[in-house]
Amino acid sequence: MDKESALFYVVLILFAITGIVTILGLVQKVMIEKKYLNALFSALILELIAAVLYLFSNTEFFPTPNSLTGNRTSTNCWCSVPNCRRHSGISRPAN
């Protein structure tokens, strides 16, 4: 197991433990002092926010034409279409 996978599983296990202990404390199956329960709940919320931010930072919501086809060729056209022949001799329109 490489270091990246190990770190992922450690973080996942800590997240699960925090979630389980917090939920058990909230439903009063485990008696936890209020100040510690507040800290656990805050930690759980921060972990959720971090996970969502990480997920969204690695998601490509609006893929470019090159990423859809996997084509990494350069474009000579202002329309951003790879190997466009329609606009090859036309300059970019003025804004």
N, C-alpha and C. Protein backbone atom coordinates (compact mmCIF):
# COMPACT_ATOMS: atom_id res chain seq x y z
N MET A 1 0.86 -1.18 0.00
CA MET A 1 0.00 0.00 0.00
C MET A 1 0.90 1.23 0.00
N ASP A 2 0.64 2.15 -0.90
CA ASP A 2 1.45 3.37 -0.97
C ASP A 2 1.00 4.37 0.10
N LYS A 3 1.79 5.41 0.28
CA LYS A 3 1.52 6.40 1.32
C LYS A 3 0.21 7.15 1.09
N GLU A 4 -0.10 7.43 -0.16
CA GLU A 4 -1.33 8.16 -0.47
C GLU A 4 -2.57 7.35 -0.09
N SER A 5 -2.56 6.07 -0.41
CA SER A 5 -3.69 5.20 -0.04
C SER A 5 -3.81 5.06 1.47
N ALA A 6 -2.67 4.92 2.14
CA ALA A 6 -2.70 4.79 3.59
C ALA A 6 -3.27 6.04 4.24
N LEU A 7 -2.85 7.21 3.76
CA LEU A 7 -3.37 8.46 4.30
C LEU A 7 -4.87 8.57 4.06
N PHE A 8 -5.32 8.16 2.87
CA PHE A 8 -6.75 8.20 2.55
C PHE A 8 -7.55 7.35 3.54
N TYR A 9 -7.08 6.13 3.80
CA TYR A 9 -7.81 5.24 4.70
C TYR A 9 -7.77 5.72 6.14
N VAL A 10 -6.66 6.31 6.56
CA VAL A 10 -6.58 6.86 7.92
C VAL A 10 -7.59 7.99 8.09
N VAL A 11 -7.65 8.90 7.11
CA VAL A 11 -8.60 10.02 7.18
C VAL A 11 -10.03 9.48 7.13
N LEU A 12 -10.29 8.49 6.31
CA LEU A 12 -11.63 7.91 6.21
C LEU A 12 -12.05 7.25 7.53
N ILE A 13 -11.14 6.54 8.15
CA ILE A 13 -11.45 5.88 9.43
C ILE A 13 -11.69 6.92 10.53
N LEU A 14 -10.86 7.96 10.58
CA LEU A 14 -11.07 9.02 11.57
C LEU A 14 -12.40 9.73 11.36
N PHE A 15 -12.76 9.96 10.10
CA PHE A 15 -14.05 10.58 9.80
C PHE A 15 -15.20 9.70 10.27
N ALA A 16 -15.09 8.40 10.01
CA ALA A 16 -16.15 7.47 10.44
C ALA A 16 -16.25 7.43 11.97
N ILE A 17 -15.12 7.36 12.65
CA ILE A 17 -15.15 7.32 14.12
C ILE A 17 -15.75 8.60 14.69
N THR A 18 -15.34 9.74 14.15
CA THR A 18 -15.90 11.02 14.61
C THR A 18 -17.40 11.05 14.40
N GLY A 19 -17.85 10.61 13.24
CA GLY A 19 -19.28 10.60 12.94
C GLY A 19 -20.06 9.68 13.86
N ILE A 20 -19.56 8.49 14.07
CA ILE A 20 -20.27 7.52 14.92
C ILE A 20 -20.35 8.01 16.36
N VAL A 21 -19.23 8.47 16.91
CA VAL A 21 -19.22 8.94 18.30
C VAL A 21 -20.11 10.17 18.46
N THR A 22 -20.08 11.08 17.48
CA THR A 22 -20.91 12.28 17.56
C THR A 22 -22.39 11.93 17.52
N ILE A 23 -22.77 11.06 16.62
CA ILE A 23 -24.19 10.67 16.51
C ILE A 23 -24.64 9.94 17.77
N LEU A 24 -23.81 9.04 18.28
CA LEU A 24 -24.18 8.35 19.53
C LEU A 24 -24.29 9.33 20.69
N GLY A 25 -23.46 10.35 20.71
CA GLY A 25 -23.56 11.36 21.76
C GLY A 25 -24.80 12.23 21.61
N LEU A 26 -25.16 12.53 20.36
CA LEU A 26 -26.35 13.36 20.14
C LEU A 26 -27.64 12.65 20.52
N VAL A 27 -27.72 11.34 20.27
CA VAL A 27 -28.93 10.60 20.64
C VAL A 27 -28.84 10.04 22.05
N GLN A 28 -27.78 10.40 22.76
CA GLN A 28 -27.55 10.07 24.17
C GLN A 28 -27.45 8.57 24.44
N LYS A 29 -26.87 7.85 23.50
CA LYS A 29 -26.54 6.44 23.75
C LYS A 29 -25.21 6.34 24.47
N VAL A 30 -24.37 7.36 24.25
CA VAL A 30 -23.09 7.48 24.95
C VAL A 30 -23.12 8.82 25.66
N MET A 31 -22.81 8.81 26.95
CA MET A 31 -22.83 10.05 27.71
C MET A 31 -21.53 10.82 27.47
N ILE A 32 -21.67 11.99 26.85
CA ILE A 32 -20.52 12.85 26.55
C ILE A 32 -20.85 14.23 27.11
N GLU A 33 -19.88 14.83 27.78
CA GLU A 33 -20.10 16.17 28.31
C GLU A 33 -20.42 17.13 27.17
N LYS A 34 -21.23 18.13 27.49
CA LYS A 34 -21.71 19.05 26.46
C LYS A 34 -20.57 19.76 25.72
N LYS A 35 -19.52 20.17 26.44
CA LYS A 35 -18.43 20.89 25.76
C LYS A 35 -17.69 19.97 24.78
N TYR A 36 -17.53 18.68 25.13
CA TYR A 36 -16.88 17.74 24.22
C TYR A 36 -17.79 17.39 23.05
N LEU A 37 -19.08 17.31 23.31
CA LEU A 37 -20.03 17.02 22.24
C LEU A 37 -20.07 18.17 21.24
N ASN A 38 -20.00 19.41 21.74
CA ASN A 38 -19.95 20.56 20.84
C ASN A 38 -18.69 20.52 19.97
N ALA A 39 -17.57 20.16 20.58
CA ALA A 39 -16.32 20.06 19.82
C ALA A 39 -16.39 18.94 18.78
N LEU A 40 -16.96 17.81 19.15
CA LEU A 40 -17.11 16.70 18.20
C LEU A 40 -18.04 17.08 17.04
N PHE A 41 -19.12 17.76 17.37
CA PHE A 41 -20.06 18.17 16.33
C PHE A 41 -19.40 19.18 15.39
N SER A 42 -18.65 20.12 15.95
CA SER A 42 -17.93 21.09 15.12
C SER A 42 -16.91 20.40 14.22
N ALA A 43 -16.19 19.43 14.77
CA ALA A 43 -15.21 18.68 13.98
C ALA A 43 -15.88 17.92 12.85
N LEU A 44 -17.04 17.33 13.13
CA LEU A 44 -17.77 16.59 12.09
C LEU A 44 -18.22 17.52 10.97
N ILE A 45 -18.74 18.67 11.33
CA ILE A 45 -19.19 19.64 10.32
C ILE A 45 -18.00 20.12 9.49
N LEU A 46 -16.87 20.43 10.14
CA LEU A 46 -15.68 20.86 9.40
C LEU A 46 -15.16 19.77 8.47
N GLU A 47 -15.22 18.52 8.91
CA GLU A 47 -14.80 17.41 8.06
C GLU A 47 -15.71 17.28 6.85
N LEU A 48 -16.99 17.45 7.05
CA LEU A 48 -17.94 17.38 5.93
C LEU A 48 -17.70 18.51 4.93
N ILE A 49 -17.46 19.71 5.45
CA ILE A 49 -17.20 20.85 4.57
C ILE A 49 -15.91 20.62 3.78
N ALA A 50 -14.87 20.13 4.44
CA ALA A 50 -13.61 19.86 3.75
C ALA A 50 -13.78 18.80 2.67
N ALA A 51 -14.55 17.75 2.97
CA ALA A 51 -14.77 16.69 1.99
C ALA A 51 -15.53 17.21 0.78
N VAL A 52 -16.55 18.03 1.00
CA VAL A 52 -17.32 18.59 -0.11
C VAL A 52 -16.47 19.54 -0.94
N LEU A 53 -15.68 20.39 -0.29
CA LEU A 53 -14.82 21.31 -1.03
C LEU A 53 -13.79 20.54 -1.86
N TYR A 54 -13.21 19.50 -1.30
CA TYR A 54 -12.24 18.69 -2.03
C TYR A 54 -12.90 18.02 -3.23
N LEU A 55 -14.10 17.51 -3.02
CA LEU A 55 -14.81 16.84 -4.10
C LEU A 55 -15.12 17.81 -5.24
N PHE A 56 -15.60 19.00 -4.89
CA PHE A 56 -15.94 19.99 -5.91
C PHE A 56 -14.71 20.58 -6.58
N SER A 57 -13.58 20.64 -5.87
CA SER A 57 -12.38 21.20 -6.49
C SER A 57 -11.81 20.26 -7.56
N ASN A 58 -12.10 18.99 -7.47
CA ASN A 58 -11.60 18.02 -8.44
C ASN A 58 -12.63 17.63 -9.49
N THR A 59 -13.76 18.29 -9.50
CA THR A 59 -14.81 17.97 -10.45
C THR A 59 -14.82 19.00 -11.57
N GLU A 60 -14.88 18.52 -12.80
CA GLU A 60 -14.93 19.42 -13.94
C GLU A 60 -16.39 19.53 -14.38
N PHE A 61 -17.05 20.62 -14.00
CA PHE A 61 -18.47 20.77 -14.28
C PHE A 61 -18.74 21.15 -15.73
N PHE A 62 -17.87 21.96 -16.31
CA PHE A 62 -18.04 22.40 -17.69
C PHE A 62 -16.82 21.98 -18.50
N PRO A 63 -16.85 20.75 -19.00
CA PRO A 63 -15.67 20.25 -19.71
C PRO A 63 -15.42 21.00 -21.02
N THR A 64 -14.16 21.14 -21.34
CA THR A 64 -13.79 21.77 -22.60
C THR A 64 -13.90 20.73 -23.71
N PRO A 65 -13.98 21.17 -24.95
CA PRO A 65 -14.08 20.20 -26.04
C PRO A 65 -12.92 19.20 -26.05
N ASN A 66 -11.71 19.63 -25.70
CA ASN A 66 -10.57 18.72 -25.68
C ASN A 66 -10.72 17.64 -24.62
N SER A 67 -11.30 17.99 -23.46
CA SER A 67 -11.43 17.00 -22.40
C SER A 67 -12.54 16.00 -22.69
N LEU A 68 -13.50 16.36 -23.52
CA LEU A 68 -14.57 15.42 -23.87
C LEU A 68 -14.05 14.32 -24.78
N THR A 69 -13.20 14.68 -25.70
CA THR A 69 -12.72 13.71 -26.67
C THR A 69 -11.39 13.08 -26.26
N GLY A 70 -10.75 13.69 -25.28
CA GLY A 70 -9.44 13.22 -24.90
C GLY A 70 -8.37 13.69 -25.87
N ASN A 71 -8.74 14.55 -26.80
CA ASN A 71 -7.84 15.05 -27.82
C ASN A 71 -7.04 16.22 -27.24
N ARG A 72 -5.75 16.11 -27.25
CA ARG A 72 -4.90 17.14 -26.69
C ARG A 72 -4.21 17.96 -27.78
N THR A 73 -4.79 17.97 -28.98
CA THR A 73 -4.16 18.73 -30.06
C THR A 73 -4.41 20.20 -29.86
N SER A 74 -3.52 21.01 -30.40
CA SER A 74 -3.68 22.45 -30.28
C SER A 74 -4.69 22.94 -31.30
N THR A 75 -5.23 24.10 -31.04
CA THR A 75 -6.21 24.67 -31.94
C THR A 75 -5.64 25.93 -32.58
N ASN A 76 -5.93 26.13 -33.83
CA ASN A 76 -5.49 27.32 -34.54
C ASN A 76 -6.65 28.27 -34.75
N CYS A 77 -7.76 28.00 -34.15
CA CYS A 77 -8.97 28.76 -34.41
C CYS A 77 -9.45 29.44 -33.14
N TRP A 78 -10.09 30.57 -33.29
CA TRP A 78 -10.62 31.30 -32.14
C TRP A 78 -11.86 30.64 -31.55
N CYS A 79 -12.48 29.69 -32.26
CA CYS A 79 -13.71 29.07 -31.75
C CYS A 79 -13.42 27.95 -30.76
N SER A 80 -12.16 27.62 -30.52
CA SER A 80 -11.72 26.61 -29.55
C SER A 80 -12.07 25.19 -29.95
N VAL A 81 -12.43 24.96 -31.18
CA VAL A 81 -12.69 23.61 -31.66
C VAL A 81 -11.38 23.07 -32.20
N PRO A 82 -10.94 21.92 -31.73
CA PRO A 82 -9.67 21.37 -32.21
C PRO A 82 -9.70 21.14 -33.72
N ASN A 83 -8.65 21.56 -34.39
CA ASN A 83 -8.48 21.37 -35.83
C ASN A 83 -9.65 21.89 -36.64
N CYS A 84 -10.17 23.03 -36.26
CA CYS A 84 -11.31 23.62 -36.97
C CYS A 84 -10.89 24.05 -38.37
N ARG A 85 -11.66 23.63 -39.35
CA ARG A 85 -11.38 24.03 -40.73
C ARG A 85 -12.33 25.11 -41.20
N ARG A 86 -13.39 25.31 -40.46
CA ARG A 86 -14.41 26.28 -40.87
C ARG A 86 -13.91 27.71 -40.72
N HIS A 87 -13.19 27.99 -39.63
CA HIS A 87 -12.77 29.34 -39.34
C HIS A 87 -11.26 29.53 -39.52
N SER A 88 -10.60 28.65 -40.20
CA SER A 88 -9.13 28.70 -40.24
C SER A 88 -8.58 29.98 -40.84
N GLY A 89 -9.25 30.58 -41.79
CA GLY A 89 -8.73 31.79 -42.42
C GLY A 89 -9.40 33.05 -41.95
N ILE A 90 -10.31 32.94 -40.96
CA ILE A 90 -11.08 34.09 -40.50
C ILE A 90 -10.51 34.56 -39.18
N SER A 91 -10.34 35.86 -39.06
CA SER A 91 -9.85 36.40 -37.79
C SER A 91 -10.97 36.45 -36.77
N ARG A 92 -10.60 36.57 -35.51
CA ARG A 92 -11.57 36.61 -34.41
C ARG A 92 -12.44 37.85 -34.51
N PRO A 93 -13.77 37.67 -34.28
CA PRO A 93 -14.67 38.85 -34.34
C PRO A 93 -14.38 39.84 -33.23
N ALA A 94 -14.59 41.11 -33.50
CA ALA A 94 -14.37 42.16 -32.51
C ALA A 94 -15.50 42.14 -31.49
N ASN A 95 -15.15 42.42 -30.25
CA ASN A 95 -16.16 42.44 -29.17
C ASN A 95 -16.86 43.76 -29.09
